[in-house]
Structures are given as C-alpha cells and as structure tokens.
Amino acid sequence: MGTPEPQFISIGKNADAREIAVQKSAGKTPGLMWLSGFKSDMSGSKAVALADFAEGRGQEVVRFDYSGHGASGGEFEEACVSDWLEEAETVFDRYCTGDTVLVGSSMGGWIALLLALSRKETHRIRGLVLIAPAVDFTEELMWKQRFNDEIRTAILTEGRWAQPSAYEDGPYVITRKLIEDGRRHLLFGKPLHLGCPVTILQGAKDPDVPAHHAQRLVEALPQDDVTFTLVPDGDHRLSRPQDIELLLRAVAEMSKF
C-alpha cells in the first residue's frame, strides 16, 4: 500500500522547538497509534505491518518519530522521556480523531502507559497493546541492573556514556539528563489504573526486557483487564512473521468496530 508522506509539526518553544515527523492514514475508529521503542522509528517492520494492516481494514492509523529518531529533528543526546511524552501527547491530541488503541513497543510501551494516564479523562483510549514494555527502563533496567559503578560514575561526572548497541553498528549515548529525567516518570511502586484493557506480548528469551519485568506491570494494574502472553521462543523485538501475526490478532481484538 502507498505510504503517506510525513507531515512535520513543531513541538516545544524557542530553543526547545523540534520538528516531528508524523504519518497518518485516515479511516474509521477506533484508530491505532504506534509508539516506537528507544532508538527505533516508525519505519520498522512492526510499525509498517501495523500501518498496512490498519489501512487494509480502512482503519485510522497514526505513527510518528520521537525527536532525535528517524525523520524527526532534534539531537538524540539532547532528548529525554519528557520530550518524547510531550510529542506523543501532541500527536495524539492533533491526529487521533476518536477512540484509539495505543500500540507501544519496548520504550514505546512506557510512553503509551504515560500517555494513557495523562489522557485518561478524555475517555478516548480504547486500550493498549504493549510489546515487551520497558516500563521505567532508564532506572530499573539501566541504572540499577546493567550499569556498574564505573558507568554510573561516568554518567554523573561526564554527563554521558556511550553504550554498545546490539541493534546498530555504533554505540548510543546514555546521558545524565535521560537518567535524571526518567525518574520524573517512574510508574512502578504504586498501583496504576488506566481504565481500559491492556494486552502485553512478551518474549521469554528477551535479553533486554526480561519477562519478569513485564510481569511486574501486570501486578501494577490490579484494577484493569490485563492479558499477558508469553512467547516461549520470543526475543526482544518480536518481529518474526509469527510474532507480527500475534500482534495483529491482539490489535484486531482490541479495536473491534
């Protein structure tokens, strides 16, 4: 199917302004909104499969790139969770016309949860489909688990640390700003209530977001209808054909017309 040309919207003021790339295909609602993972963008295989799926059903679908990612402007090292959440909120407000299912992968799962909480009173969030949701990952998965004293000292004293990437040729930089800003948005440690159903798809062999991390999210949502599916041989990306088929089935169930 034809891919719509991205539109660009400016978010933020003065020195904080950045141009954000958004792609939307109009259609019936509930619509879908895709939220990418850390250092991922809206041209990834799951995002494209979701867009094609929605367009084939005549369903509204919206996706965008965070600042410092993909086709959007801004420098990755200058961005943080607050920026990416602001961008998600703005795209939701401007482009999602009715009831919407949020579909978030990895960090996008965390952003989807924060967005659902900040827009709860609109009553327009039909539900969430989360793939390996990396809730609170800057604190729980990076700072507390993966970073040793040497790395933490480098971040605190130098303001940055270049982390090797299993998914890119070069390393990506973790900044002190990212870590400290992430603490403003932590969700674990308190009961959450989204007021909508949540489906979680998790790979049992995920080295980046362990299954027990996703299970913590299930326990943190005692008042919501949560479905947890563990893929026994699944990795972090869950982008194999059978994984994408599982994702699309979950989205179809969540977004019944």
C-alpha atoms as a PDB file:
ATOM      1  CA  MET A   1       0.000   0.000   0.000  1.00  0.00           C
ATOM      2  CA  GLY A   2       1.082   3.571  -0.545  1.00  0.00           C
ATOM      3  CA  THR A   3       2.832   5.185   2.373  1.00  0.00           C
ATOM      4  CA  PRO A   4       1.622   8.728   3.064  1.00  0.00           C
ATOM      5  CA  GLU A   5       4.226  11.446   3.043  1.00  0.00           C
ATOM      6  CA  PRO A   6       5.108  12.523   6.578  1.00  0.00           C
ATOM      7  CA  GLN A   7       3.795  15.796   7.898  1.00  0.00           C
ATOM      8  CA  PHE A   8       6.010  17.878  10.156  1.00  0.00           C
ATOM      9  CA  ILE A   9       4.782  19.695  13.231  1.00  0.00           C
ATOM     10  CA  SER A  10       6.772  21.906  15.556  1.00  0.00           C
ATOM     11  CA  ILE A  11       6.661  20.976  19.244  1.00  0.00           C
ATOM     12  CA  GLY A  12       8.274  22.981  22.017  1.00  0.00           C
ATOM     13  CA  LYS A  13       9.162  26.630  22.218  1.00  0.00           C
ATOM     14  CA  ASN A  14      12.233  28.658  21.299  1.00  0.00           C
ATOM     15  CA  ALA A  15      15.422  26.635  21.802  1.00  0.00           C
ATOM     16  CA  ASP A  16      13.383  23.548  22.737  1.00  0.00           C
ATOM     17  CA  ALA A  17      11.426  23.504  19.446  1.00  0.00           C
ATOM     18  CA  ARG A  18      11.841  20.395  17.305  1.00  0.00           C
ATOM     19  CA  GLU A  19      10.236  19.237  14.057  1.00  0.00           C
ATOM     20  CA  ILE A  20       8.371  15.963  14.495  1.00  0.00           C
ATOM     21  CA  ALA A  21       7.536  13.692  11.547  1.00  0.00           C
ATOM     22  CA  VAL A  22       4.012  12.223  11.596  1.00  0.00           C
ATOM     23  CA  GLN A  23       2.326   9.806   9.198  1.00  0.00           C
ATOM     24  CA  LYS A  24      -1.431   9.354   9.256  1.00  0.00           C
ATOM     25  CA  SER A  25      -3.838   7.322   7.179  1.00  0.00           C
ATOM     26  CA  ALA A  26      -7.435   8.389   7.713  1.00  0.00           C
ATOM     27  CA  GLY A  27     -10.117   5.808   8.388  1.00  0.00           C
ATOM     28  CA  LYS A  28     -12.751   4.624  10.781  1.00  0.00           C
ATOM     29  CA  THR A  29     -12.273   4.489  14.502  1.00  0.00           C
ATOM     30  CA  PRO A  30     -11.162   3.137  16.850  1.00  0.00           C
ATOM     31  CA  GLY A  31      -7.899   4.103  15.316  1.00  0.00           C
ATOM     32  CA  LEU A  32      -4.391   2.925  16.073  1.00  0.00           C
ATOM     33  CA  MET A  33      -1.426   4.938  17.316  1.00  0.00           C
ATOM     34  CA  TRP A  34       2.037   3.405  17.114  1.00  0.00           C
ATOM     35  CA  LEU A  35       4.722   4.288  19.673  1.00  0.00           C
ATOM     36  CA  SER A  36       8.230   3.117  18.803  1.00  0.00           C
ATOM     37  CA  GLY A  37      10.987   1.881  21.055  1.00  0.00           C
ATOM     38  CA  PHE A  38      14.232   3.501  22.158  1.00  0.00           C
ATOM     39  CA  LYS A  39      16.358   4.343  19.092  1.00  0.00           C
ATOM     40  CA  SER A  40      13.657   2.885  16.818  1.00  0.00           C
ATOM     41  CA  ASP A  41      11.377   4.678  14.391  1.00  0.00           C
ATOM     42  CA  MET A  42       8.102   4.409  12.510  1.00  0.00           C
ATOM     43  CA  SER A  43       9.680   2.650   9.518  1.00  0.00           C
ATOM     44  CA  GLY A  44      10.409  -0.543  11.492  1.00  0.00           C
ATOM     45  CA  SER A  45       8.864  -3.844  10.451  1.00  0.00           C
ATOM     46  CA  LYS A  46       6.203  -3.937  13.193  1.00  0.00           C
ATOM     47  CA  ALA A  47       5.181  -0.319  12.604  1.00  0.00           C
ATOM     48  CA  VAL A  48       4.874  -0.842   8.855  1.00  0.00           C
ATOM     49  CA  ALA A  49       2.965  -4.107   9.304  1.00  0.00           C
ATOM     50  CA  LEU A  50       0.567  -2.385  11.686  1.00  0.00           C
ATOM     51  CA  ALA A  51       0.023   0.504   9.255  1.00  0.00           C
ATOM     52  CA  ASP A  52      -0.620  -1.862   6.338  1.00  0.00           C
ATOM     53  CA  PHE A  53      -2.995  -3.897   8.485  1.00  0.00           C
ATOM     54  CA  ALA A  54      -4.975  -0.820   9.523  1.00  0.00           C
ATOM     55  CA  GLU A  55      -5.121   0.612   6.025  1.00  0.00           C
ATOM     56  CA  GLY A  56      -6.383  -2.717   4.707  1.00  0.00           C
ATOM     57  CA  ARG A  57      -9.244  -2.533   7.206  1.00  0.00           C
ATOM     58  CA  GLY A  58      -9.969   1.107   6.458  1.00  0.00           C
ATOM     59  CA  GLN A  59      -8.885   1.962   9.995  1.00  0.00           C
ATOM     60  CA  GLU A  60      -7.229   5.189  11.101  1.00  0.00           C
ATOM     61  CA  VAL A  61      -3.552   4.755  11.911  1.00  0.00           C
ATOM     62  CA  VAL A  62      -1.098   7.314  13.224  1.00  0.00           C
ATOM     63  CA  ARG A  63       2.640   6.927  13.762  1.00  0.00           C
ATOM     64  CA  PHE A  64       5.460   9.375  14.386  1.00  0.00           C
ATOM     65  CA  ASP A  65       9.153   9.611  15.177  1.00  0.00           C
ATOM     66  CA  TYR A  66      10.361  10.951  18.504  1.00  0.00           C
ATOM     67  CA  SER A  67      12.825  13.823  18.428  1.00  0.00           C
ATOM     68  CA  GLY A  68      16.316  12.516  17.732  1.00  0.00           C
ATOM     69  CA  HIS A  69      14.813   9.492  15.954  1.00  0.00           C
ATOM     70  CA  GLY A  70      14.069   8.663  12.332  1.00  0.00           C
ATOM     71  CA  ALA A  71      12.812  11.526  10.179  1.00  0.00           C
ATOM     72  CA  SER A  72      12.221  13.920  13.084  1.00  0.00           C
ATOM     73  CA  GLY A  73      14.516  16.747  14.025  1.00  0.00           C
ATOM     74  CA  GLY A  74      16.442  17.255  17.217  1.00  0.00           C
ATOM     75  CA  GLU A  75      19.544  15.601  18.607  1.00  0.00           C
ATOM     76  CA  PHE A  76      19.175  12.238  20.326  1.00  0.00           C
ATOM     77  CA  GLU A  77      21.619  13.184  23.086  1.00  0.00           C
ATOM     78  CA  GLU A  78      19.586  16.274  23.962  1.00  0.00           C
ATOM     79  CA  ALA A  79      16.251  14.442  24.247  1.00  0.00           C
ATOM     80  CA  CYS A  80      14.632  12.710  27.202  1.00  0.00           C
ATOM     81  CA  VAL A  81      11.441  10.973  28.291  1.00  0.00           C
ATOM     82  CA  SER A  82       9.657  14.266  28.993  1.00  0.00           C
ATOM     83  CA  ASP A  83      10.270  15.364  25.385  1.00  0.00           C
ATOM     84  CA  TRP A  84       9.078  12.084  23.916  1.00  0.00           C
ATOM     85  CA  LEU A  85       5.968  12.062  26.087  1.00  0.00           C
ATOM     86  CA  GLU A  86       5.158  15.660  25.113  1.00  0.00           C
ATOM     87  CA  GLU A  87       5.482  14.663  21.464  1.00  0.00           C
ATOM     88  CA  ALA A  88       3.223  11.641  21.940  1.00  0.00           C
ATOM     89  CA  GLU A  89       0.600  13.773  23.713  1.00  0.00           C
ATOM     90  CA  THR A  90       0.672  16.405  20.973  1.00  0.00           C
ATOM     91  CA  VAL A  91       0.386  13.846  18.171  1.00  0.00           C
ATOM     92  CA  PHE A  92      -2.493  12.118  19.984  1.00  0.00           C
ATOM     93  CA  ASP A  93      -4.329  15.412  20.518  1.00  0.00           C
ATOM     94  CA  ARG A  94      -3.887  16.622  16.941  1.00  0.00           C
ATOM     95  CA  TYR A  95      -4.132  13.472  14.845  1.00  0.00           C
ATOM     96  CA  CYS A  96      -6.228  10.848  16.657  1.00  0.00           C
ATOM     97  CA  THR A  97      -9.831  11.727  15.883  1.00  0.00           C
ATOM     98  CA  GLY A  98     -11.753   9.327  18.122  1.00  0.00           C
ATOM     99  CA  ASP A  99     -11.309   6.221  20.241  1.00  0.00           C
ATOM    100  CA  THR A 100      -7.740   4.974  19.847  1.00  0.00           C
ATOM    101  CA  VAL A 101      -5.759   1.845  20.639  1.00  0.00           C
ATOM    102  CA  LEU A 102      -2.198   2.660  21.689  1.00  0.00           C
ATOM    103  CA  VAL A 103       0.351   0.145  20.402  1.00  0.00           C
ATOM    104  CA  GLY A 104       3.742   0.529  22.055  1.00  0.00           C
ATOM    105  CA  SER A 105       6.964  -1.448  21.653  1.00  0.00           C
ATOM    106  CA  SER A 106       9.664  -1.526  24.359  1.00  0.00           C
ATOM    107  CA  MET A 107      10.154   2.105  25.453  1.00  0.00           C
ATOM    108  CA  GLY A 108       7.011   2.838  23.455  1.00  0.00           C
ATOM    109  CA  GLY A 109       5.155   0.700  25.988  1.00  0.00           C
ATOM    110  CA  TRP A 110       6.281   3.032  28.782  1.00  0.00           C
ATOM    111  CA  ILE A 111       5.334   6.088  26.726  1.00  0.00           C
ATOM    112  CA  ALA A 112       1.950   4.502  25.919  1.00  0.00           C
ATOM    113  CA  LEU A 113       1.235   3.990  29.623  1.00  0.00           C
ATOM    114  CA  LEU A 114       2.212   7.568  30.461  1.00  0.00           C
ATOM    115  CA  LEU A 115       0.075   8.841  27.581  1.00  0.00           C
ATOM    116  CA  ALA A 116      -2.901   6.742  28.676  1.00  0.00           C
ATOM    117  CA  LEU A 117      -2.635   8.168  32.189  1.00  0.00           C
ATOM    118  CA  SER A 118      -2.258  11.776  31.028  1.00  0.00           C
ATOM    119  CA  ARG A 119      -5.216  11.475  28.630  1.00  0.00           C
ATOM    120  CA  LYS A 120      -7.381   9.231  30.819  1.00  0.00           C
ATOM    121  CA  GLU A 121     -10.036  11.890  31.300  1.00  0.00           C
ATOM    122  CA  THR A 122     -10.630  12.137  27.536  1.00  0.00           C
ATOM    123  CA  HIS A 123     -12.119   8.609  27.614  1.00  0.00           C
ATOM    124  CA  ARG A 124     -10.665   8.090  24.124  1.00  0.00           C
ATOM    125  CA  ILE A 125      -8.113   5.396  24.931  1.00  0.00           C
ATOM    126  CA  ARG A 126      -9.823   2.159  23.842  1.00  0.00           C
ATOM    127  CA  GLY A 127      -6.959   0.003  25.115  1.00  0.00           C
ATOM    128  CA  LEU A 128      -3.232  -0.704  24.976  1.00  0.00           C
ATOM    129  CA  VAL A 129      -1.271  -3.404  23.172  1.00  0.00           C
ATOM    130  CA  LEU A 130       2.268  -3.476  24.534  1.00  0.00           C
ATOM    131  CA  ILE A 131       5.230  -5.417  23.147  1.00  0.00           C
ATOM    132  CA  ALA A 132       7.976  -6.086  25.716  1.00  0.00           C
ATOM    133  CA  PRO A 133       7.014  -2.934  27.646  1.00  0.00           C
ATOM    134  CA  ALA A 134      10.174  -1.318  29.025  1.00  0.00           C
ATOM    135  CA  VAL A 135       8.484   0.473  31.913  1.00  0.00           C
ATOM    136  CA  ASP A 136      10.866   2.673  33.927  1.00  0.00           C
ATOM    137  CA  PHE A 137      13.740   1.243  31.867  1.00  0.00           C
ATOM    138  CA  THR A 138      16.139   4.133  32.500  1.00  0.00           C
ATOM    139  CA  GLU A 139      16.052   3.379  36.219  1.00  0.00           C
ATOM    140  CA  GLU A 140      15.132  -0.290  36.584  1.00  0.00           C
ATOM    141  CA  LEU A 141      16.898  -1.830  33.603  1.00  0.00           C
ATOM    142  CA  MET A 142      19.780   0.581  33.045  1.00  0.00           C
ATOM    143  CA  TRP A 143      20.766   2.369  36.240  1.00  0.00           C
ATOM    144  CA  LYS A 144      20.025  -0.381  38.747  1.00  0.00           C
ATOM    145  CA  GLN A 145      20.748  -3.544  36.745  1.00  0.00           C
ATOM    146  CA  ARG A 146      23.056  -3.025  33.783  1.00  0.00           C
ATOM    147  CA  PHE A 147      25.216  -0.124  34.849  1.00  0.00           C
ATOM    148  CA  ASN A 148      28.132  -0.849  37.148  1.00  0.00           C
ATOM    149  CA  ASP A 149      29.817   1.708  39.392  1.00  0.00           C
ATOM    150  CA  GLU A 150      32.218   2.758  36.637  1.00  0.00           C
ATOM    151  CA  ILE A 151      29.406   3.506  34.192  1.00  0.00           C
ATOM    152  CA  ARG A 152      27.311   5.318  36.778  1.00  0.00           C
ATOM    153  CA  THR A 153      30.318   7.459  37.754  1.00  0.00           C
ATOM    154  CA  ALA A 154      30.973   8.346  34.110  1.00  0.00           C
ATOM    155  CA  ILE A 155      27.362   9.428  33.632  1.00  0.00           C
ATOM    156  CA  LEU A 156      27.371  11.530  36.801  1.00  0.00           C
ATOM    157  CA  THR A 157      30.752  13.187  36.238  1.00  0.00           C
ATOM    158  CA  GLU A 158      30.944  13.419  32.434  1.00  0.00           C
ATOM    159  CA  GLY A 159      27.223  13.611  31.742  1.00  0.00           C
ATOM    160  CA  ARG A 160      27.247  10.794  29.216  1.00  0.00           C
ATOM    161  CA  TRP A 161      28.280   7.231  28.466  1.00  0.00           C
ATOM    162  CA  ALA A 162      28.437   5.506  25.076  1.00  0.00           C
ATOM    163  CA  GLN A 163      26.635   2.179  25.363  1.00  0.00           C
ATOM    164  CA  PRO A 164      27.345  -0.536  22.758  1.00  0.00           C
ATOM    165  CA  SER A 165      24.258  -1.467  20.775  1.00  0.00           C
ATOM    166  CA  ALA A 166      23.202  -4.955  19.699  1.00  0.00           C
ATOM    167  CA  TYR A 167      20.940  -3.398  17.075  1.00  0.00           C
ATOM    168  CA  GLU A 168      23.123  -0.728  15.442  1.00  0.00           C
ATOM    169  CA  ASP A 169      26.664  -0.502  14.073  1.00  0.00           C
ATOM    170  CA  GLY A 170      27.781   2.119  16.559  1.00  0.00           C
ATOM    171  CA  PRO A 171      27.085   2.791  20.221  1.00  0.00           C
ATOM    172  CA  TYR A 172      24.383   5.083  21.510  1.00  0.00           C
ATOM    173  CA  VAL A 173      24.881   7.634  24.194  1.00  0.00           C
ATOM    174  CA  ILE A 174      23.115   7.490  27.548  1.00  0.00           C
ATOM    175  CA  THR A 175      23.071  10.928  29.156  1.00  0.00           C
ATOM    176  CA  ARG A 176      22.707  12.070  32.730  1.00  0.00           C
ATOM    177  CA  LYS A 177      19.756  14.122  31.535  1.00  0.00           C
ATOM    178  CA  LEU A 178      17.995  10.970  30.277  1.00  0.00           C
ATOM    179  CA  ILE A 179      18.518   9.130  33.566  1.00  0.00           C
ATOM    180  CA  GLU A 180      17.505  12.008  35.810  1.00  0.00           C
ATOM    181  CA  ASP A 181      14.507  12.988  33.698  1.00  0.00           C
ATOM    182  CA  GLY A 182      13.343   9.365  33.591  1.00  0.00           C
ATOM    183  CA  ARG A 183      12.932   9.498  37.381  1.00  0.00           C
ATOM    184  CA  ARG A 184      10.157  12.049  36.922  1.00  0.00           C
ATOM    185  CA  HIS A 185       8.044   9.443  35.126  1.00  0.00           C
ATOM    186  CA  LEU A 186       8.549   6.230  37.103  1.00  0.00           C
ATOM    187  CA  LEU A 187       5.439   4.052  37.369  1.00  0.00           C
ATOM    188  CA  PHE A 188       6.492   1.031  39.396  1.00  0.00           C
ATOM    189  CA  GLY A 189       5.985   1.134  43.137  1.00  0.00           C
ATOM    190  CA  LYS A 190       2.404   2.333  43.049  1.00  0.00           C
ATOM    191  CA  PRO A 191      -0.873   0.798  41.818  1.00  0.00           C
ATOM    192  CA  LEU A 192      -1.909   2.050  38.402  1.00  0.00           C
ATOM    193  CA  HIS A 193      -5.395   2.369  36.985  1.00  0.00           C
ATOM    194  CA  LEU A 194      -5.748   3.071  33.278  1.00  0.00           C
ATOM    195  CA  GLY A 195      -9.460   2.387  32.993  1.00  0.00           C
ATOM    196  CA  CYS A 196      -9.037   0.352  29.799  1.00  0.00           C
ATOM    197  CA  PRO A 197      -7.886  -3.155  28.822  1.00  0.00           C
ATOM    198  CA  VAL A 198      -4.212  -3.932  28.327  1.00  0.00           C
ATOM    199  CA  THR A 199      -2.631  -6.722  26.282  1.00  0.00           C
ATOM    200  CA  ILE A 200       1.055  -7.497  26.868  1.00  0.00           C
ATOM    201  CA  LEU A 201       3.122  -9.594  24.437  1.00  0.00           C
ATOM    202  CA  GLN A 202       6.445 -10.706  25.882  1.00  0.00           C
ATOM    203  CA  GLY A 203       9.277 -12.910  24.645  1.00  0.00           C
ATOM    204  CA  ALA A 204      10.563 -15.448  27.173  1.00  0.00           C
ATOM    205  CA  LYS A 205      14.071 -15.127  25.689  1.00  0.00           C
ATOM    206  CA  ASP A 206      14.150 -11.333  25.720  1.00  0.00           C
ATOM    207  CA  PRO A 207      17.608 -10.240  26.983  1.00  0.00           C
ATOM    208  CA  ASP A 208      16.707  -6.554  27.144  1.00  0.00           C
ATOM    209  CA  VAL A 209      13.327  -6.531  28.896  1.00  0.00           C
ATOM    210  CA  PRO A 210      13.143  -9.760  30.932  1.00  0.00           C
ATOM    211  CA  ALA A 211       9.785 -11.478  31.252  1.00  0.00           C
ATOM    212  CA  HIS A 212       9.683 -10.823  34.996  1.00  0.00           C
ATOM    213  CA  HIS A 213       9.860  -7.093  34.247  1.00  0.00           C
ATOM    214  CA  ALA A 214       6.719  -7.292  32.127  1.00  0.00           C
ATOM    215  CA  GLN A 215       5.048  -9.388  34.812  1.00  0.00           C
ATOM    216  CA  ARG A 216       5.676  -6.548  37.275  1.00  0.00           C
ATOM    217  CA  LEU A 217       3.477  -4.409  35.065  1.00  0.00           C
ATOM    218  CA  VAL A 218       0.666  -6.973  35.276  1.00  0.00           C
ATOM    219  CA  GLU A 219       0.880  -6.808  39.071  1.00  0.00           C
ATOM    220  CA  ALA A 220       0.872  -3.000  38.977  1.00  0.00           C
ATOM    221  CA  LEU A 221      -2.501  -2.932  37.178  1.00  0.00           C
ATOM    222  CA  PRO A 222      -4.806  -4.665  39.690  1.00  0.00           C
ATOM    223  CA  GLN A 223      -7.936  -2.788  38.596  1.00  0.00           C
ATOM    224  CA  ASP A 224      -7.562  -3.219  34.845  1.00  0.00           C
ATOM    225  CA  ASP A 225      -8.313  -6.103  32.486  1.00  0.00           C
ATOM    226  CA  VAL A 226      -4.815  -7.345  31.580  1.00  0.00           C
ATOM    227  CA  THR A 227      -3.938 -10.167  29.182  1.00  0.00           C
ATOM    228  CA  PHE A 228      -0.351 -11.417  29.338  1.00  0.00           C
ATOM    229  CA  THR A 229       1.007 -13.617  26.539  1.00  0.00           C
ATOM    230  CA  LEU A 230       4.464 -15.149  26.884  1.00  0.00           C
ATOM    231  CA  VAL A 231       6.086 -16.251  23.618  1.00  0.00           C
ATOM    232  CA  PRO A 232       8.346 -19.176  24.670  1.00  0.00           C
ATOM    233  CA  ASP A 233      10.997 -18.660  21.978  1.00  0.00           C
ATOM    234  CA  GLY A 234      10.451 -14.940  21.521  1.00  0.00           C
ATOM    235  CA  ASP A 235      13.229 -12.349  21.666  1.00  0.00           C
ATOM    236  CA  HIS A 236      13.012  -8.634  22.403  1.00  0.00           C
ATOM    237  CA  ARG A 237      11.908  -7.437  19.009  1.00  0.00           C
ATOM    238  CA  LEU A 238       9.132  -9.982  18.433  1.00  0.00           C
ATOM    239  CA  SER A 239       9.305  -9.142  14.733  1.00  0.00           C
ATOM    240  CA  ARG A 240       9.239 -12.603  13.158  1.00  0.00           C
ATOM    241  CA  PRO A 241       6.223 -13.318  10.905  1.00  0.00           C
ATOM    242  CA  GLN A 242       4.536 -15.356  13.643  1.00  0.00           C
ATOM    243  CA  ASP A 243       5.182 -12.595  16.182  1.00  0.00           C
ATOM    244  CA  ILE A 244       3.689  -9.940  13.926  1.00  0.00           C
ATOM    245  CA  GLU A 245       0.690 -12.176  13.300  1.00  0.00           C
ATOM    246  CA  LEU A 246       0.218 -12.429  17.078  1.00  0.00           C
ATOM    247  CA  LEU A 247       0.462  -8.643  17.357  1.00  0.00           C
ATOM    248  CA  LEU A 248      -2.106  -8.035  14.631  1.00  0.00           C
ATOM    249  CA  ARG A 249      -4.531 -10.507  16.183  1.00  0.00           C
ATOM    250  CA  ALA A 250      -4.240  -8.705  19.513  1.00  0.00           C
ATOM    251  CA  VAL A 251      -4.771  -5.332  17.837  1.00  0.00           C
ATOM    252  CA  ALA A 252      -7.804  -6.600  15.921  1.00  0.00           C
ATOM    253  CA  GLU A 253      -9.356  -7.946  19.112  1.00  0.00           C
ATOM    254  CA  MET A 254      -8.715  -4.707  20.979  1.00  0.00           C
ATOM    255  CA  SER A 255     -10.060  -2.492  18.192  1.00  0.00           C
ATOM    256  CA  LYS A 256     -13.247  -4.261  17.156  1.00  0.00           C
ATOM    257  CA  PHE A 257     -15.567  -1.939  15.273  1.00  0.00           C
END
